[in-house]
Amino acid sequence: MASKEDKFVADLSETPHAPPRRGLSFYLVLFVAVLPIWSLVPLSWAFVIYALHYGLVWTFAWRGWCLFALALSEVFFSVYHYNLTSFIAGPSPIVSGNLHELQAVFKRVLQAGLASLPEEGFDEESLDVDRPGSPAETVTVLDYNDPRAVDFRNYLRTWFNRVPWSSIRRHEMYTWLYWSIFNSAFPGIDKVPEHHRKALNEVIHMLEHRAGAKIPEGSNPAAAPFLLTLDPVNVVSRPLVFYLGVTLSNTLVRRRLRTKWGVKVGVHKDLEYVLRIPPTWDAQTGPRPIVFMHGLGLGLTQYRRLIEHIFAALPDRPVLVPLLPHVSQEIMHPRFLRPMGRQEMTACLASLLSELDWAELEKPSSDSSDSEDKSAAEMKASASKASARKGVTMMSHSNGSFSHAWMLKAYPRMIERSCFVDPVTFCSWEGDLCYNFIYRPCVNGLDLVIKYFVGTELGVANFLQRHFDWSANCLWYEEIPNARDPKKTMFVLGGRDSIIDATRVKRYLASHGVRKGLLFDPEAHHGQALLSSSPSHHAILRWLREQH
C-alpha cells in the first residue's frame, strides 16, 4: 500500500503549475497587430512635443497640419482615457448582498461535485428522477485522498494563482472568503464585525470538510489570492482612431441591418436593441421569437454575420438583439462605464418582452440561488399566466450567458427554450474563467488577441473587474427549466476553448443527465461555433428552426 507521503506527492492539488513557454504566434501578433496600434499614442506624444519644442508646427504645409491635428487629438484623448482609467480604479460599486443568501450560495458551491453522479450522464428517456444531483448533499468531512476532495482542492487553488494547496494559509483563505462574500478587503480576523467573523468561520469549516484537509494557521504572501473586484484594474490604452473605427463600423452595421433586413434600432428604458419582426408574423399563431444575448468584443461588428445568418435562415421569426455598449468598445456611449446590473437588465428586458407581447410579464423570482425554493402554487400560477403567450427562445454567447442566467433566475417562465454557446456562467465558481481571461500570462497569438483587443479594453475591464457579481453570475443545473430536454435546451462547447474549461463544464452538465442537448466539439475554439464554416453553427440554426 502506498504511504501517505507517496499519495501526497501524487496529489494533483500539490502539482506545481508550470506556465507554457510563449510560442511564435505570440510574437507575430505582438509585432504585427498589437504594437502598431498601441504605439500610435506614444508616437503622437513624441511628434507633438517635437513639433512644438522646435517650432516646426509653423512651417507645416496643409498635410503637416492635418498630421499634427490628428496627433494632437490622440494626445488629448489619451489624457481623457487616463482619467477614465483612474475613475474606474476606485472601489467596486457592487455592494455585498444578503448574508444569508450568500452563505447559501457558498454552501451550494461546496455541494457541487459531492453527489455520486456518473460523468457519462444518465439515460434521459429512462431516468425517473426529475433533477439528478440537486443540492441535497450534506457537506461532510471527506478523506484527504477522496477523489472529490482532491478535485476540489485542485480547482480551488486556481484562485490562489495555482500554487500547491499545502502552501495556502488561513490568512489568505480568510482574505479570499471575505472578498467573495462581502466584496471588501480583509482587515484581519480580529477587526471584522462579530457576525462577519461567525459567517467566515462557518464557511471555512465547511470548506475544510469539503477539501479533506485543515488549512494551517499563519500567512504566506506567496499564495495571495485573486480578488477580482479589488485588484488593480488591468487596462491597456488604445488610440482614438481605434475607438472611432469601432464606432463607425457599428454605425454602418446598424444602417446595413435597417436597409437590408428592415430592422428597428430602438431604446427601451436605457436598453438599446436591434429588432426585426417579419411583416406577416402573428403573435398568436406565429413561431416563437428569438432573443440573442451577445458577448464581449466589438458589438454588432463582431456578430453581424451570425445575426444575418439567423435572419436568412429564419425569415419567419422575430429576432431581438439587446446591445451592450459597455462590452462593445463604444466609448462615446453614455452607458459605457455604467453597465446594467442584474436587476436593471432583467427588469428592462422583461418589460420589453412584455411590451412586444412575446411573453407574460411575471413577478420576478427571489434572489435565492436555488429555484426549487419556489412553492408549487407559485410555479402553477406563473405557468397558467405564461400559457397565454409563447415565451421566447433565448440564445447567448460567452459573456451573454450571464444575462441569460439572470433572466432564468428572475423570469424563468418568459424563457421557453435556451441555447448556450460557449457559456461562461457554468462552473465559474471554480476560477478558470477569471484566471484565463484576467490573470493568465499570454503564451500564444490567440491569447494576446483576446487579452489586448478585448480583456484589457477600458469598458470590458470596468465591467469584469469592478462590476462582476460572481454569486449572481453562477447558474446551476437545477435553475434551468427543462435542462435535460434537447428540444428545450441546447449547450454548445468547444474542447479547445481558452477562456473556460469546457471539459469540466461538459462533465458538470453530463453528470446531471444532459446528453442529447450537449454539443461538444473537441477541436473547437471559443467562438468557433458561430462561424458559418463550423458544423456547430448549422446545428444551432437547425435547433432554432425547430417548432417546440
Protein backbone atom coordinates (compact mmCIF):
# COMPACT_ATOMS: atom_id res chain seq x y z
CA MET A 1 0.00 0.00 0.00
CA ALA A 2 1.28 3.46 -0.89
CA SER A 3 2.33 5.57 2.05
CA LYS A 4 0.62 8.84 2.90
CA GLU A 5 3.69 10.70 1.67
CA ASP A 6 3.51 8.91 -1.72
CA LYS A 7 -0.14 9.84 -2.06
CA PHE A 8 0.63 13.40 -1.05
CA VAL A 9 3.26 13.70 -3.82
CA ALA A 10 0.82 12.24 -6.36
CA ASP A 11 -1.92 14.65 -5.30
CA LEU A 12 -2.97 16.86 -8.23
CA SER A 13 -3.51 19.81 -5.90
CA GLU A 14 0.19 19.66 -5.00
CA THR A 15 1.46 19.60 -8.57
CA PRO A 16 3.39 22.83 -9.29
CA HIS A 17 1.89 24.87 -12.09
CA ALA A 18 4.39 25.45 -14.89
CA PRO A 19 3.12 28.05 -17.42
CA PRO A 20 3.90 27.01 -21.01
CA ARG A 21 6.53 28.90 -22.96
CA ARG A 22 5.49 31.59 -25.39
CA GLY A 23 5.18 30.42 -28.97
CA LEU A 24 5.99 32.07 -32.27
CA SER A 25 2.36 33.15 -32.80
CA PHE A 26 2.59 35.35 -29.68
CA TYR A 27 5.44 37.40 -31.14
CA LEU A 28 3.82 37.56 -34.58
CA VAL A 29 0.63 39.06 -33.12
CA LEU A 30 2.64 41.31 -30.81
CA PHE A 31 4.72 42.90 -33.57
CA VAL A 32 2.19 42.79 -36.43
CA ALA A 33 -1.07 43.74 -34.66
CA VAL A 34 -0.64 44.92 -31.07
CA LEU A 35 2.44 47.14 -31.11
CA PRO A 36 1.47 49.09 -34.28
CA ILE A 37 -1.85 50.06 -32.68
CA TRP A 38 -0.54 50.64 -29.15
CA SER A 39 2.42 52.74 -30.37
CA LEU A 40 0.17 55.34 -32.02
CA VAL A 41 -0.32 57.11 -28.68
CA PRO A 42 3.36 57.45 -27.61
CA LEU A 43 4.34 58.33 -31.19
CA SER A 44 1.68 61.06 -31.23
CA TRP A 45 3.02 62.48 -27.97
CA ALA A 46 6.57 62.43 -29.34
CA PHE A 47 5.55 64.14 -32.58
CA VAL A 48 3.53 66.89 -30.87
CA ILE A 49 6.27 67.62 -28.32
CA TYR A 50 8.96 67.65 -31.03
CA ALA A 51 6.94 69.93 -33.34
CA LEU A 52 6.15 72.41 -30.56
CA HIS A 53 9.59 72.37 -28.99
CA TYR A 54 11.39 73.18 -32.25
CA GLY A 55 8.65 75.44 -33.65
CA LEU A 56 8.16 73.19 -36.69
CA VAL A 57 4.41 73.49 -36.40
CA TRP A 58 4.57 76.96 -38.03
CA THR A 59 6.39 75.59 -41.08
CA PHE A 60 3.99 72.77 -41.88
CA ALA A 61 2.04 72.65 -45.13
CA TRP A 62 -1.57 71.50 -45.02
CA ARG A 63 -0.57 67.82 -44.88
CA GLY A 64 1.67 68.55 -41.91
CA TRP A 65 -1.13 70.46 -40.22
CA CYS A 66 -3.51 67.51 -40.73
CA LEU A 67 -0.97 65.12 -39.26
CA PHE A 68 -0.34 67.46 -36.33
CA ALA A 69 -4.08 67.80 -35.69
CA LEU A 70 -4.51 64.02 -35.68
CA ALA A 71 -1.55 63.59 -33.32
CA LEU A 72 -2.85 66.34 -31.04
CA SER A 73 -6.26 64.62 -30.97
CA GLU A 74 -4.58 61.42 -29.86
CA VAL A 75 -2.72 63.32 -27.13
CA PHE A 76 -5.91 64.89 -25.75
CA PHE A 77 -7.77 61.59 -25.99
CA SER A 78 -5.00 59.73 -24.14
CA VAL A 79 -5.39 62.18 -21.25
CA TYR A 80 -9.16 61.60 -21.30
CA HIS A 81 -8.63 57.83 -21.41
CA TYR A 82 -6.20 58.05 -18.49
CA ASN A 83 -8.76 59.98 -16.44
CA LEU A 84 -11.41 57.35 -17.15
CA THR A 85 -8.99 54.62 -16.16
CA SER A 86 -8.26 56.45 -12.90
CA PHE A 87 -12.00 56.82 -12.33
CA ILE A 88 -12.70 53.08 -12.52
CA ALA A 89 -9.61 52.24 -10.46
CA GLY A 90 -11.51 53.07 -7.28
CA PRO A 91 -13.60 50.71 -5.15
CA SER A 92 -16.15 48.46 -6.79
CA PRO A 93 -19.69 49.86 -6.69
CA ILE A 94 -21.07 46.36 -6.14
CA VAL A 95 -22.33 46.07 -2.58
CA SER A 96 -22.47 42.77 -0.75
CA GLY A 97 -25.85 41.10 -0.85
CA ASN A 98 -27.90 39.41 1.82
CA LEU A 99 -25.54 37.48 4.11
CA HIS A 100 -27.90 34.52 4.46
CA GLU A 101 -28.28 34.20 0.69
CA LEU A 102 -24.52 34.48 0.13
CA GLN A 103 -23.92 31.73 2.69
CA ALA A 104 -26.49 29.58 0.87
CA VAL A 105 -24.71 30.18 -2.44
CA PHE A 106 -21.37 29.27 -0.90
CA LYS A 107 -22.87 26.10 0.53
CA ARG A 108 -24.15 25.29 -2.96
CA VAL A 109 -20.62 25.72 -4.32
CA LEU A 110 -19.31 23.28 -1.72
CA GLN A 111 -22.05 20.79 -2.59
CA ALA A 112 -21.11 20.80 -6.29
CA GLY A 113 -19.46 17.51 -7.18
CA LEU A 114 -20.37 15.73 -3.94
CA ALA A 115 -23.08 13.51 -5.38
CA SER A 116 -22.10 10.16 -6.84
CA LEU A 117 -23.12 11.00 -10.39
CA PRO A 118 -21.65 9.15 -13.39
CA GLU A 119 -19.66 11.52 -15.60
CA GLU A 120 -21.14 9.97 -18.73
CA GLY A 121 -24.57 11.11 -17.59
CA PHE A 122 -27.96 9.42 -17.31
CA ASP A 123 -30.34 7.97 -19.83
CA GLU A 124 -32.73 10.85 -20.46
CA GLU A 125 -35.57 8.58 -21.56
CA SER A 126 -35.46 6.11 -18.64
CA LEU A 127 -34.42 8.35 -15.74
CA ASP A 128 -37.23 8.76 -13.23
CA VAL A 129 -35.57 11.46 -11.15
CA ASP A 130 -36.56 14.93 -12.32
CA ARG A 131 -33.35 16.62 -11.26
CA PRO A 132 -30.45 14.26 -10.55
CA GLY A 133 -27.83 15.72 -8.28
CA SER A 134 -29.93 18.58 -6.97
CA PRO A 135 -28.37 20.31 -3.96
CA ALA A 136 -29.44 17.84 -1.29
CA GLU A 137 -25.98 16.57 -0.38
CA THR A 138 -24.57 17.19 3.08
CA VAL A 139 -21.10 18.70 3.33
CA THR A 140 -19.41 16.07 5.48
CA VAL A 141 -15.75 15.55 6.32
CA LEU A 142 -14.06 13.93 3.34
CA ASP A 143 -10.90 11.89 3.49
CA TYR A 144 -7.79 13.72 2.25
CA ASN A 145 -7.37 11.22 -0.59
CA ASP A 146 -11.06 11.14 -1.55
CA PRO A 147 -11.14 11.96 -5.30
CA ARG A 148 -13.85 14.55 -4.63
CA ALA A 149 -11.61 16.31 -2.08
CA VAL A 150 -8.59 16.17 -4.39
CA ASP A 151 -10.60 17.64 -7.25
CA PHE A 152 -11.98 20.39 -5.01
CA ARG A 153 -8.54 21.39 -3.75
CA ASN A 154 -7.13 21.31 -7.26
CA TYR A 155 -9.67 23.72 -8.77
CA LEU A 156 -9.94 25.95 -5.68
CA ARG A 157 -6.21 26.70 -5.79
CA THR A 158 -6.82 28.41 -9.14
CA TRP A 159 -7.96 31.41 -7.10
CA PHE A 160 -4.51 31.41 -5.47
CA ASN A 161 -2.55 31.51 -8.73
CA ARG A 162 -2.46 27.71 -8.80
CA VAL A 163 0.11 27.38 -6.05
CA PRO A 164 0.35 23.97 -4.33
CA TRP A 165 -2.54 23.56 -1.91
CA SER A 166 -0.23 22.99 1.05
CA SER A 167 1.22 26.50 0.66
CA ILE A 168 -2.13 28.23 1.26
CA ARG A 169 -2.51 29.57 4.78
CA ARG A 170 -5.53 30.58 6.82
CA HIS A 171 -4.99 34.34 6.45
CA GLU A 172 -5.01 34.09 2.64
CA MET A 173 -8.09 31.87 2.71
CA TYR A 174 -9.86 34.34 5.02
CA THR A 175 -8.86 37.12 2.60
CA TRP A 176 -10.39 35.30 -0.36
CA LEU A 177 -13.55 34.31 1.51
CA TYR A 178 -14.06 37.82 2.86
CA TRP A 179 -13.81 39.24 -0.66
CA SER A 180 -16.10 36.62 -2.20
CA ILE A 181 -18.76 37.09 0.47
CA PHE A 182 -18.53 40.80 1.33
CA ASN A 183 -16.68 42.24 -1.72
CA SER A 184 -14.30 44.03 0.63
CA ALA A 185 -10.66 43.91 1.67
CA PHE A 186 -9.99 41.66 4.65
CA PRO A 187 -8.85 43.80 7.61
CA GLY A 188 -7.79 40.88 9.78
CA ILE A 189 -9.83 38.32 11.67
CA ASP A 190 -9.72 40.39 14.87
CA LYS A 191 -11.03 43.51 13.15
CA VAL A 192 -14.07 42.15 11.34
CA PRO A 193 -17.54 42.50 12.92
CA GLU A 194 -18.67 39.61 15.08
CA HIS A 195 -21.42 38.45 12.69
CA HIS A 196 -18.95 38.54 9.78
CA ARG A 197 -16.43 36.54 11.82
CA LYS A 198 -19.07 33.94 12.61
CA ALA A 199 -20.02 33.63 8.94
CA LEU A 200 -16.37 33.31 7.90
CA ASN A 201 -15.68 30.59 10.45
CA GLU A 202 -18.78 28.63 9.40
CA VAL A 203 -17.79 28.76 5.74
CA ILE A 204 -14.13 27.90 6.33
CA HIS A 205 -15.08 24.88 8.45
CA MET A 206 -17.36 23.60 5.66
CA LEU A 207 -14.59 24.32 3.15
CA GLU A 208 -12.10 22.28 5.20
CA HIS A 209 -14.58 19.41 5.36
CA ARG A 210 -15.02 19.55 1.59
CA ALA A 211 -11.26 19.75 0.97
CA GLY A 212 -10.47 16.91 3.34
CA ALA A 213 -7.72 18.99 4.93
CA LYS A 214 -7.24 21.61 7.60
CA ILE A 215 -5.88 24.96 6.43
CA PRO A 216 -2.79 25.83 8.52
CA GLU A 217 -2.72 28.99 10.61
CA GLY A 218 -0.49 31.86 9.63
CA SER A 219 0.16 33.72 6.39
CA ASN A 220 2.03 33.09 3.14
CA PRO A 221 2.18 36.14 0.83
CA ALA A 222 3.37 33.88 -1.99
CA ALA A 223 -0.11 32.30 -2.00
CA ALA A 224 -2.05 35.59 -2.14
CA PRO A 225 -5.49 35.08 -3.73
CA PHE A 226 -7.00 36.80 -6.75
CA LEU A 227 -9.52 39.43 -5.61
CA LEU A 228 -11.16 40.31 -8.90
CA THR A 229 -13.05 43.46 -7.93
CA LEU A 230 -10.33 44.71 -5.54
CA ASP A 231 -7.15 44.07 -7.51
CA PRO A 232 -5.79 46.92 -9.69
CA VAL A 233 -7.73 47.25 -12.93
CA ASN A 234 -5.74 45.92 -15.87
CA VAL A 235 -6.32 48.45 -18.69
CA VAL A 236 -4.06 48.95 -21.70
CA SER A 237 -4.53 52.18 -23.64
CA ARG A 238 -5.50 52.28 -27.28
CA PRO A 239 -5.72 55.21 -29.69
CA LEU A 240 -8.68 57.38 -30.50
CA VAL A 241 -8.63 56.16 -34.09
CA PHE A 242 -9.27 52.61 -32.85
CA TYR A 243 -12.41 53.63 -30.95
CA LEU A 244 -13.57 55.78 -33.85
CA GLY A 245 -13.13 52.80 -36.16
CA VAL A 246 -15.23 50.57 -33.90
CA THR A 247 -17.95 53.22 -33.53
CA LEU A 248 -18.05 53.86 -37.28
CA SER A 249 -18.20 50.14 -38.01
CA ASN A 250 -21.08 49.56 -35.59
CA THR A 251 -22.92 52.56 -37.05
CA LEU A 252 -22.54 51.16 -40.57
CA VAL A 253 -23.74 47.74 -39.41
CA ARG A 254 -26.84 49.33 -37.88
CA ARG A 255 -27.53 51.08 -41.18
CA ARG A 256 -26.98 47.86 -43.13
CA LEU A 257 -29.39 45.93 -40.91
CA ARG A 258 -32.02 48.65 -41.31
CA THR A 259 -31.76 48.87 -45.10
CA LYS A 260 -31.25 45.19 -45.93
CA TRP A 261 -33.32 43.45 -43.25
CA GLY A 262 -35.77 46.14 -42.18
CA VAL A 263 -34.75 46.06 -38.53
CA LYS A 264 -35.63 48.68 -35.97
CA VAL A 265 -32.93 50.12 -33.72
CA GLY A 266 -34.64 51.35 -30.57
CA VAL A 267 -34.19 52.07 -26.88
CA HIS A 268 -36.32 50.77 -24.01
CA LYS A 269 -35.56 52.18 -20.57
CA ASP A 270 -31.87 52.70 -21.40
CA LEU A 271 -31.63 49.28 -23.08
CA GLU A 272 -30.70 49.73 -26.73
CA TYR A 273 -31.71 46.93 -29.07
CA VAL A 274 -31.97 45.73 -32.65
CA LEU A 275 -35.36 44.25 -33.55
CA ARG A 276 -36.69 42.53 -36.65
CA ILE A 277 -40.33 41.44 -36.82
CA PRO A 278 -41.47 39.86 -40.13
CA PRO A 279 -44.49 41.71 -41.55
CA THR A 280 -46.57 38.52 -41.70
CA TRP A 281 -45.75 37.30 -38.20
CA ASP A 282 -48.69 36.85 -35.83
CA ALA A 283 -48.24 36.87 -32.06
CA GLN A 284 -50.82 34.10 -31.54
CA THR A 285 -50.04 31.72 -34.41
CA GLY A 286 -46.54 32.65 -35.49
CA PRO A 287 -43.32 30.85 -34.47
CA ARG A 288 -41.60 31.66 -31.20
CA PRO A 289 -39.42 34.83 -31.17
CA ILE A 290 -35.65 34.62 -30.66
CA VAL A 291 -33.58 36.78 -28.28
CA PHE A 292 -29.80 36.78 -28.78
CA MET A 293 -27.51 37.98 -25.99
CA HIS A 294 -24.08 38.79 -27.44
CA GLY A 295 -20.72 38.61 -25.69
CA LEU A 296 -17.60 40.73 -25.26
CA GLY A 297 -15.85 42.29 -28.21
CA LEU A 298 -16.91 44.71 -30.91
CA GLY A 299 -20.69 44.50 -30.60
CA LEU A 300 -22.65 44.35 -33.85
CA THR A 301 -19.47 44.41 -35.91
CA GLN A 302 -18.37 41.15 -34.36
CA TYR A 303 -21.76 39.42 -34.54
CA ARG A 304 -23.07 40.81 -37.85
CA ARG A 305 -22.55 37.62 -39.83
CA LEU A 306 -24.26 35.44 -37.23
CA ILE A 307 -27.22 37.83 -36.93
CA GLU A 308 -27.65 37.97 -40.70
CA HIS A 309 -27.41 34.17 -40.92
CA ILE A 310 -30.23 33.93 -38.36
CA PHE A 311 -32.28 36.44 -40.35
CA ALA A 312 -31.74 34.49 -43.58
CA ALA A 313 -32.26 31.01 -42.10
CA LEU A 314 -35.33 32.00 -40.05
CA PRO A 315 -37.17 34.62 -42.11
CA ASP A 316 -40.46 33.94 -40.29
CA ARG A 317 -39.09 34.55 -36.77
CA PRO A 318 -38.94 37.82 -34.86
CA VAL A 319 -35.40 38.42 -33.60
CA LEU A 320 -34.34 40.75 -30.76
CA VAL A 321 -30.68 41.60 -30.06
CA PRO A 322 -30.12 43.73 -26.93
CA LEU A 323 -26.99 45.86 -27.36
CA LEU A 324 -24.43 46.15 -24.59
CA PRO A 325 -22.19 49.19 -25.23
CA HIS A 326 -20.07 48.64 -22.11
CA VAL A 327 -18.61 45.45 -23.62
CA SER A 328 -18.68 46.64 -27.25
CA GLN A 329 -15.93 49.31 -27.00
CA GLU A 330 -18.36 52.15 -27.75
CA ILE A 331 -16.58 54.67 -25.56
CA MET A 332 -18.83 57.57 -26.59
CA HIS A 333 -21.98 55.83 -25.36
CA PRO A 334 -23.46 57.34 -22.14
CA ARG A 335 -23.68 53.86 -20.55
CA PHE A 336 -20.12 52.87 -21.46
CA LEU A 337 -18.88 52.91 -17.86
CA ARG A 338 -22.30 52.33 -16.28
CA PRO A 339 -23.16 48.72 -17.20
CA MET A 340 -26.57 47.37 -16.34
CA GLY A 341 -26.57 45.14 -13.29
CA ARG A 342 -28.69 42.09 -12.75
CA GLN A 343 -31.85 43.80 -11.52
CA GLU A 344 -31.82 46.61 -14.08
CA MET A 345 -31.05 44.32 -17.02
CA THR A 346 -33.69 41.73 -16.19
CA ALA A 347 -36.32 44.36 -15.43
CA CYS A 348 -35.67 46.20 -18.72
CA LEU A 349 -35.57 43.06 -20.83
CA ALA A 350 -38.63 41.51 -19.22
CA SER A 351 -40.56 44.76 -19.68
CA LEU A 352 -39.52 44.91 -23.33
CA LEU A 353 -40.60 41.31 -24.00
CA SER A 354 -43.95 42.05 -22.39
CA GLU A 355 -44.36 45.26 -24.39
CA LEU A 356 -43.66 43.32 -27.59
CA ASP A 357 -46.35 40.83 -26.50
CA TRP A 358 -43.86 37.98 -26.70
CA ALA A 359 -44.14 36.77 -23.09
CA GLU A 360 -46.24 37.35 -20.00
CA LEU A 361 -44.56 39.71 -17.53
CA GLU A 362 -44.32 37.69 -14.34
CA LYS A 363 -43.36 38.72 -10.86
CA PRO A 364 -39.56 38.46 -10.57
CA SER A 365 -38.29 35.49 -8.59
CA SER A 366 -36.36 35.95 -5.36
CA ASP A 367 -32.58 36.22 -5.47
CA SER A 368 -32.22 32.77 -3.98
CA SER A 369 -29.79 30.67 -5.95
CA ASP A 370 -31.98 27.56 -5.78
CA SER A 371 -35.04 27.76 -7.99
CA GLU A 372 -36.52 24.80 -6.11
CA ASP A 373 -37.32 27.16 -3.25
CA LYS A 374 -40.37 28.36 -5.14
CA SER A 375 -43.66 26.97 -3.94
CA ALA A 376 -45.74 24.73 -6.18
CA ALA A 377 -48.54 27.30 -6.12
CA GLU A 378 -46.21 30.00 -7.44
CA MET A 379 -44.98 27.75 -10.24
CA LYS A 380 -48.51 26.73 -11.22
CA ALA A 381 -49.81 30.30 -11.19
CA SER A 382 -46.86 31.51 -13.22
CA ALA A 383 -47.31 28.73 -15.76
CA SER A 384 -51.02 29.47 -16.25
CA LYS A 385 -50.28 33.14 -16.93
CA ALA A 386 -47.42 32.37 -19.31
CA SER A 387 -49.55 29.91 -21.30
CA ALA A 388 -51.40 32.83 -22.89
CA ARG A 389 -48.19 33.83 -24.70
CA LYS A 390 -45.47 31.80 -26.30
CA GLY A 391 -42.42 32.90 -24.38
CA VAL A 392 -39.13 33.27 -26.23
CA THR A 393 -36.15 31.24 -27.35
CA MET A 394 -33.06 32.80 -25.79
CA MET A 395 -29.62 32.21 -27.28
CA SER A 396 -26.50 33.55 -25.63
CA HIS A 397 -22.82 33.54 -26.41
CA SER A 398 -19.96 33.73 -23.91
CA ASN A 399 -20.45 36.74 -21.62
CA GLY A 400 -24.05 36.98 -22.80
CA SER A 401 -24.74 33.83 -20.79
CA PHE A 402 -24.60 35.97 -17.63
CA SER A 403 -27.64 37.98 -18.75
CA HIS A 404 -29.21 34.71 -19.88
CA ALA A 405 -28.66 33.29 -16.39
CA TRP A 406 -30.10 36.41 -14.78
CA MET A 407 -33.30 36.06 -16.82
CA LEU A 408 -33.66 32.36 -15.99
CA LYS A 409 -33.32 33.18 -12.29
CA ALA A 410 -35.67 36.16 -12.27
CA TYR A 411 -38.18 35.36 -15.05
CA PRO A 412 -37.89 31.63 -15.86
CA ARG A 413 -41.37 31.41 -17.42
CA MET A 414 -40.55 34.02 -20.04
CA ILE A 415 -37.77 31.84 -21.47
CA GLU A 416 -39.33 28.82 -23.13
CA ARG A 417 -36.16 27.50 -24.80
CA SER A 418 -32.46 28.16 -24.11
CA CYS A 419 -29.32 27.80 -26.21
CA PHE A 420 -25.97 28.38 -24.50
CA VAL A 421 -22.94 28.78 -26.79
CA ASP A 422 -19.53 28.84 -25.06
CA PRO A 423 -21.28 29.66 -21.76
CA VAL A 424 -19.15 31.26 -19.06
CA THR A 425 -21.87 31.09 -16.44
CA PHE A 426 -21.36 27.40 -15.57
CA CYS A 427 -18.61 26.36 -13.13
CA SER A 428 -17.50 30.00 -12.90
CA TRP A 429 -17.01 29.48 -9.15
CA GLU A 430 -14.02 27.29 -9.97
CA GLY A 431 -11.86 30.24 -11.02
CA ASP A 432 -10.83 29.17 -14.54
CA LEU A 433 -12.79 31.97 -16.18
CA CYS A 434 -11.23 34.77 -14.14
CA TYR A 435 -7.76 33.27 -14.27
CA ASN A 436 -7.78 32.64 -18.03
CA PHE A 437 -9.29 35.97 -19.01
CA ILE A 438 -7.75 38.35 -16.47
CA TYR A 439 -4.67 36.91 -14.78
CA ARG A 440 -3.11 34.30 -17.05
CA PRO A 441 0.03 35.41 -18.94
CA CYS A 442 -0.35 35.24 -22.72
CA VAL A 443 1.57 32.42 -24.36
CA ASN A 444 0.25 32.40 -27.94
CA GLY A 445 -1.23 34.72 -30.53
CA LEU A 446 -4.86 33.89 -29.72
CA ASP A 447 -4.29 34.65 -26.03
CA LEU A 448 -2.75 38.01 -26.92
CA VAL A 449 -5.58 38.92 -29.30
CA ILE A 450 -8.16 38.18 -26.60
CA LYS A 451 -6.15 39.94 -23.89
CA TYR A 452 -5.29 43.15 -25.76
CA PHE A 453 -8.27 43.66 -28.06
CA VAL A 454 -10.90 42.59 -25.52
CA GLY A 455 -9.75 41.81 -21.97
CA THR A 456 -7.74 44.97 -21.26
CA GLU A 457 -10.11 47.37 -23.01
CA LEU A 458 -11.45 50.07 -20.67
CA GLY A 459 -15.17 49.18 -20.77
CA VAL A 460 -14.59 45.43 -20.59
CA ALA A 461 -12.11 45.80 -17.72
CA ASN A 462 -14.55 48.05 -15.87
CA PHE A 463 -17.35 45.50 -16.26
CA LEU A 464 -15.32 42.43 -15.32
CA GLN A 465 -13.07 43.90 -12.65
CA ARG A 466 -15.40 46.37 -10.95
CA HIS A 467 -18.95 45.15 -11.69
CA PHE A 468 -18.52 41.37 -11.53
CA ASP A 469 -21.01 39.74 -9.14
CA TRP A 470 -19.94 36.11 -9.04
CA SER A 471 -22.83 34.84 -6.92
CA ALA A 472 -25.38 36.36 -9.31
CA ASN A 473 -23.47 35.17 -12.38
CA CYS A 474 -23.34 31.50 -11.36
CA LEU A 475 -26.01 29.35 -12.99
CA TRP A 476 -26.75 25.91 -11.60
CA TYR A 477 -28.22 22.98 -13.47
CA GLU A 478 -31.38 22.96 -11.34
CA GLU A 479 -32.08 26.60 -12.25
CA ILE A 480 -32.54 25.75 -15.94
CA PRO A 481 -36.09 24.74 -16.89
CA ASN A 482 -36.15 21.53 -18.96
CA ALA A 483 -32.35 21.30 -18.89
CA ARG A 484 -32.34 17.65 -20.00
CA ASP A 485 -34.87 18.12 -22.80
CA PRO A 486 -32.84 18.52 -26.03
CA LYS A 487 -35.82 20.17 -27.69
CA LYS A 488 -35.93 22.85 -25.00
CA THR A 489 -32.28 23.35 -24.07
CA MET A 490 -29.02 23.18 -26.03
CA PHE A 491 -25.43 23.56 -24.83
CA VAL A 492 -22.55 24.15 -27.29
CA LEU A 493 -18.95 23.77 -26.09
CA GLY A 494 -15.52 23.73 -27.70
CA GLY A 495 -12.81 21.47 -26.33
CA ARG A 496 -10.02 23.95 -27.14
CA ASP A 497 -11.74 26.92 -25.50
CA SER A 498 -9.02 29.08 -23.95
CA ILE A 499 -11.40 31.04 -21.69
CA ILE A 500 -13.40 28.35 -19.92
CA ASP A 501 -12.54 24.78 -19.05
CA ALA A 502 -15.07 23.29 -21.43
CA THR A 503 -14.24 19.74 -20.37
CA ARG A 504 -15.25 20.48 -16.78
CA VAL A 505 -18.43 22.23 -17.91
CA LYS A 506 -19.24 19.23 -20.09
CA ARG A 507 -18.64 16.89 -17.16
CA TYR A 508 -20.83 19.01 -14.89
CA LEU A 509 -23.74 19.04 -17.35
CA ALA A 510 -23.38 15.41 -18.44
CA SER A 511 -23.30 14.18 -14.85
CA HIS A 512 -26.72 15.77 -14.37
CA GLY A 513 -28.23 13.93 -17.31
CA VAL A 514 -27.62 16.37 -20.18
CA ARG A 515 -26.71 14.23 -23.19
CA LYS A 516 -28.55 14.80 -26.46
CA GLY A 517 -28.75 18.53 -25.86
CA LEU A 518 -24.98 18.80 -25.31
CA LEU A 519 -22.91 19.51 -28.43
CA PHE A 520 -19.20 19.20 -27.72
CA ASP A 521 -16.60 19.75 -30.44
CA PRO A 522 -13.20 18.70 -29.04
CA GLU A 523 -11.32 20.76 -31.65
CA ALA A 524 -13.35 23.99 -31.47
CA HIS A 525 -12.02 27.24 -30.00
CA HIS A 526 -14.04 29.88 -28.17
CA GLY A 527 -16.48 31.47 -30.61
CA GLN A 528 -15.81 29.00 -33.42
CA ALA A 529 -19.35 27.60 -33.20
CA LEU A 530 -20.66 30.95 -34.50
CA LEU A 531 -18.67 30.74 -37.74
CA SER A 532 -20.58 29.54 -40.79
CA SER A 533 -17.82 27.02 -41.53
CA SER A 534 -18.41 25.23 -38.23
CA PRO A 535 -20.72 22.18 -38.06
CA SER A 536 -21.96 23.52 -34.71
CA HIS A 537 -23.16 26.69 -36.48
CA HIS A 538 -25.53 24.70 -38.68
CA ALA A 539 -26.64 22.57 -35.74
CA ILE A 540 -27.56 25.73 -33.83
CA LEU A 541 -29.61 27.07 -36.75
CA ARG A 542 -31.42 23.73 -37.09
CA TRP A 543 -32.24 23.78 -33.39
CA LEU A 544 -33.50 27.36 -33.58
CA ARG A 545 -35.68 26.42 -36.56
CA GLU A 546 -37.45 23.64 -34.68
CA GLN A 547 -41.01 24.29 -33.51
CA HIS A 548 -41.39 23.34 -29.85
